[in-house]
């Protein structure tokens, strides 16, 4: 079954266009290195929680929007090899394509897909 990398970040709302360009450029690189799909979602109904929530998890500020993203791979093995290539790709180096958000508050993880209905 497929493997998924998931991401949640807080992006300055004013940087939406910059984020979109960054994400589109990154998607090309991920797909060239084995990803099946790259999905980027801009939050518009992301409630604050009392105990947990997406905004709390990424320490969202008033002028930021939560984004939720995932990359689907054919397998963890393809993902592991693909990530090495993605991280080394000059098109995604910070000096060429800087992240338009605070990467220290990015949440990410790899997940084994167990249901795909």
C-alpha atoms as a PDB file:
ATOM      1  CA  UNK A   1       0.000   0.000   0.000  1.00  0.00           C
ATOM      2  CA  UNK A   2       1.087   3.613  -0.522  1.00  0.00           C
ATOM      3  CA  UNK A   3       3.052   5.734   1.932  1.00  0.00           C
ATOM      4  CA  UNK A   4       2.157   9.334   2.880  1.00  0.00           C
ATOM      5  CA  UNK A   5       4.154  12.250   4.249  1.00  0.00           C
ATOM      6  CA  UNK A   6       1.907  14.759   6.007  1.00  0.00           C
ATOM      7  CA  UNK A   7       2.604  18.404   6.867  1.00  0.00           C
ATOM      8  CA  UNK A   8       0.911  21.192   8.816  1.00  0.00           C
ATOM      9  CA  UNK A   9       2.333  24.722   8.889  1.00  0.00           C
ATOM     10  CA  UNK A  10       1.379  28.298   9.687  1.00  0.00           C
ATOM     11  CA  UNK A  11       1.946  30.586   6.699  1.00  0.00           C
ATOM     12  CA  UNK A  12       1.682  34.374   6.825  1.00  0.00           C
ATOM     13  CA  UNK A  13      -1.605  35.093   5.083  1.00  0.00           C
ATOM     14  CA  UNK A  14       0.112  37.840   3.065  1.00  0.00           C
ATOM     15  CA  UNK A  15       2.469  35.165   1.654  1.00  0.00           C
ATOM     16  CA  UNK A  16      -0.284  33.070   0.043  1.00  0.00           C
ATOM     17  CA  UNK A  17       0.947  33.729  -3.525  1.00  0.00           C
ATOM     18  CA  UNK A  18       4.583  33.108  -2.528  1.00  0.00           C
ATOM     19  CA  UNK A  19       3.535  29.891  -0.810  1.00  0.00           C
ATOM     20  CA  UNK A  20       1.576  28.770  -3.850  1.00  0.00           C
ATOM     21  CA  UNK A  21       4.591  29.316  -6.133  1.00  0.00           C
ATOM     22  CA  UNK A  22       6.884  27.542  -3.646  1.00  0.00           C
ATOM     23  CA  UNK A  23       4.470  24.604  -3.388  1.00  0.00           C
ATOM     24  CA  UNK A  24       4.035  24.314  -7.168  1.00  0.00           C
ATOM     25  CA  UNK A  25       7.794  24.287  -7.703  1.00  0.00           C
ATOM     26  CA  UNK A  26       8.277  21.738  -4.926  1.00  0.00           C
ATOM     27  CA  UNK A  27       5.527  19.507  -6.344  1.00  0.00           C
ATOM     28  CA  UNK A  28       7.405  19.214  -9.633  1.00  0.00           C
ATOM     29  CA  UNK A  29      10.554  18.129  -7.791  1.00  0.00           C
ATOM     30  CA  UNK A  30       8.720  15.618  -5.586  1.00  0.00           C
ATOM     31  CA  UNK A  31       7.015  14.028  -8.583  1.00  0.00           C
ATOM     32  CA  UNK A  32      10.279  13.844 -10.541  1.00  0.00           C
ATOM     33  CA  UNK A  33      11.740  11.914  -7.606  1.00  0.00           C
ATOM     34  CA  UNK A  34       8.974   9.345  -7.292  1.00  0.00           C
ATOM     35  CA  UNK A  35       5.958  10.949  -5.590  1.00  0.00           C
ATOM     36  CA  UNK A  36       2.579   9.979  -6.980  1.00  0.00           C
ATOM     37  CA  UNK A  37       0.694  13.034  -5.748  1.00  0.00           C
ATOM     38  CA  UNK A  38       1.325  16.319  -3.936  1.00  0.00           C
ATOM     39  CA  UNK A  39      -1.640  18.054  -2.292  1.00  0.00           C
ATOM     40  CA  UNK A  40      -1.587  21.540  -0.723  1.00  0.00           C
ATOM     41  CA  UNK A  41      -4.591  22.886   1.182  1.00  0.00           C
ATOM     42  CA  UNK A  42      -5.079  26.479   2.412  1.00  0.00           C
ATOM     43  CA  UNK A  43      -7.136  26.577   5.607  1.00  0.00           C
ATOM     44  CA  UNK A  44     -10.441  28.424   5.656  1.00  0.00           C
ATOM     45  CA  UNK A  45     -12.339  26.566   8.404  1.00  0.00           C
ATOM     46  CA  UNK A  46      -9.683  25.648  10.982  1.00  0.00           C
ATOM     47  CA  UNK A  47     -11.103  26.250  14.461  1.00  0.00           C
ATOM     48  CA  UNK A  48      -9.103  27.121  17.553  1.00  0.00           C
ATOM     49  CA  UNK A  49      -9.178  24.365  20.133  1.00  0.00           C
ATOM     50  CA  UNK A  50      -9.237  24.377  23.901  1.00  0.00           C
ATOM     51  CA  UNK A  51      -6.917  21.393  24.332  1.00  0.00           C
ATOM     52  CA  UNK A  52      -5.568  20.662  20.835  1.00  0.00           C
ATOM     53  CA  UNK A  53      -6.033  22.046  17.329  1.00  0.00           C
ATOM     54  CA  UNK A  54      -4.139  22.713  14.144  1.00  0.00           C
ATOM     55  CA  UNK A  55      -3.640  26.407  15.046  1.00  0.00           C
ATOM     56  CA  UNK A  56      -2.292  25.487  18.484  1.00  0.00           C
ATOM     57  CA  UNK A  57      -0.016  22.797  17.087  1.00  0.00           C
ATOM     58  CA  UNK A  58       1.761  25.218  14.743  1.00  0.00           C
ATOM     59  CA  UNK A  59       1.525  28.221  17.077  1.00  0.00           C
ATOM     60  CA  UNK A  60      -0.461  30.143  14.458  1.00  0.00           C
ATOM     61  CA  UNK A  61      -0.353  33.909  14.825  1.00  0.00           C
ATOM     62  CA  UNK A  62      -3.266  36.224  14.024  1.00  0.00           C
ATOM     63  CA  UNK A  63      -1.820  37.125  10.619  1.00  0.00           C
ATOM     64  CA  UNK A  64      -1.205  33.497   9.568  1.00  0.00           C
ATOM     65  CA  UNK A  65      -3.221  30.733   7.917  1.00  0.00           C
ATOM     66  CA  UNK A  66      -2.863  27.009   8.598  1.00  0.00           C
ATOM     67  CA  UNK A  67      -1.898  24.881   5.592  1.00  0.00           C
ATOM     68  CA  UNK A  68      -2.322  21.121   5.435  1.00  0.00           C
ATOM     69  CA  UNK A  69      -0.357  19.147   2.857  1.00  0.00           C
ATOM     70  CA  UNK A  70       0.551  15.624   1.932  1.00  0.00           C
ATOM     71  CA  UNK A  71       2.735  13.751  -0.513  1.00  0.00           C
ATOM     72  CA  UNK A  72       1.739  10.253  -1.602  1.00  0.00           C
ATOM     73  CA  UNK A  73       4.427   7.739  -2.548  1.00  0.00           C
ATOM     74  CA  UNK A  74       4.158   4.203  -3.954  1.00  0.00           C
ATOM     75  CA  UNK A  75       5.977   2.790  -0.910  1.00  0.00           C
ATOM     76  CA  UNK A  76       8.170   3.778   2.024  1.00  0.00           C
ATOM     77  CA  UNK A  77      11.237   2.531   0.140  1.00  0.00           C
ATOM     78  CA  UNK A  78      10.473   4.844  -2.811  1.00  0.00           C
ATOM     79  CA  UNK A  79       9.797   7.661  -0.351  1.00  0.00           C
ATOM     80  CA  UNK A  80      13.113   7.142   1.454  1.00  0.00           C
ATOM     81  CA  UNK A  81      15.064   7.267  -1.811  1.00  0.00           C
ATOM     82  CA  UNK A  82      12.949  10.115  -3.154  1.00  0.00           C
ATOM     83  CA  UNK A  83      13.458  12.246  -0.035  1.00  0.00           C
ATOM     84  CA  UNK A  84      17.231  11.979  -0.387  1.00  0.00           C
ATOM     85  CA  UNK A  85      16.960  13.277  -3.950  1.00  0.00           C
ATOM     86  CA  UNK A  86      14.425  15.984  -3.048  1.00  0.00           C
ATOM     87  CA  UNK A  87      16.625  17.300  -0.234  1.00  0.00           C
ATOM     88  CA  UNK A  88      19.657  17.393  -2.550  1.00  0.00           C
ATOM     89  CA  UNK A  89      17.804  18.972  -5.481  1.00  0.00           C
ATOM     90  CA  UNK A  90      19.168  22.493  -6.132  1.00  0.00           C
ATOM     91  CA  UNK A  91      15.676  23.787  -6.998  1.00  0.00           C
ATOM     92  CA  UNK A  92      14.594  23.394  -3.372  1.00  0.00           C
ATOM     93  CA  UNK A  93      17.647  24.789  -1.615  1.00  0.00           C
ATOM     94  CA  UNK A  94      16.853  27.694   0.741  1.00  0.00           C
ATOM     95  CA  UNK A  95      18.972  30.144  -1.226  1.00  0.00           C
ATOM     96  CA  UNK A  96      17.116  29.292  -4.464  1.00  0.00           C
ATOM     97  CA  UNK A  97      13.597  28.642  -3.167  1.00  0.00           C
ATOM     98  CA  UNK A  98      13.219  29.929   0.429  1.00  0.00           C
ATOM     99  CA  UNK A  99      10.261  28.706   2.454  1.00  0.00           C
ATOM    100  CA  UNK A 100       7.726  31.551   2.804  1.00  0.00           C
ATOM    101  CA  UNK A 101       6.921  30.540   6.395  1.00  0.00           C
ATOM    102  CA  UNK A 102       8.629  29.645   9.662  1.00  0.00           C
ATOM    103  CA  UNK A 103       9.905  26.111   9.109  1.00  0.00           C
ATOM    104  CA  UNK A 104      10.582  25.693  12.847  1.00  0.00           C
ATOM    105  CA  UNK A 105       6.810  25.459  13.391  1.00  0.00           C
ATOM    106  CA  UNK A 106       6.250  22.941  10.594  1.00  0.00           C
ATOM    107  CA  UNK A 107       4.827  19.616  11.756  1.00  0.00           C
ATOM    108  CA  UNK A 108       5.512  16.611   9.573  1.00  0.00           C
ATOM    109  CA  UNK A 109       5.588  12.842   9.643  1.00  0.00           C
ATOM    110  CA  UNK A 110       5.510   9.727   7.511  1.00  0.00           C
ATOM    111  CA  UNK A 111       2.516   7.430   7.598  1.00  0.00           C
ATOM    112  CA  UNK A 112       1.767   3.924   6.393  1.00  0.00           C
ATOM    113  CA  UNK A 113      -1.563   4.039   4.574  1.00  0.00           C
ATOM    114  CA  UNK A 114      -3.944   1.490   6.106  1.00  0.00           C
ATOM    115  CA  UNK A 115      -7.286   2.526   4.517  1.00  0.00           C
ATOM    116  CA  UNK A 116      -7.816   4.064   1.094  1.00  0.00           C
ATOM    117  CA  UNK A 117     -11.536   3.951   0.377  1.00  0.00           C
END
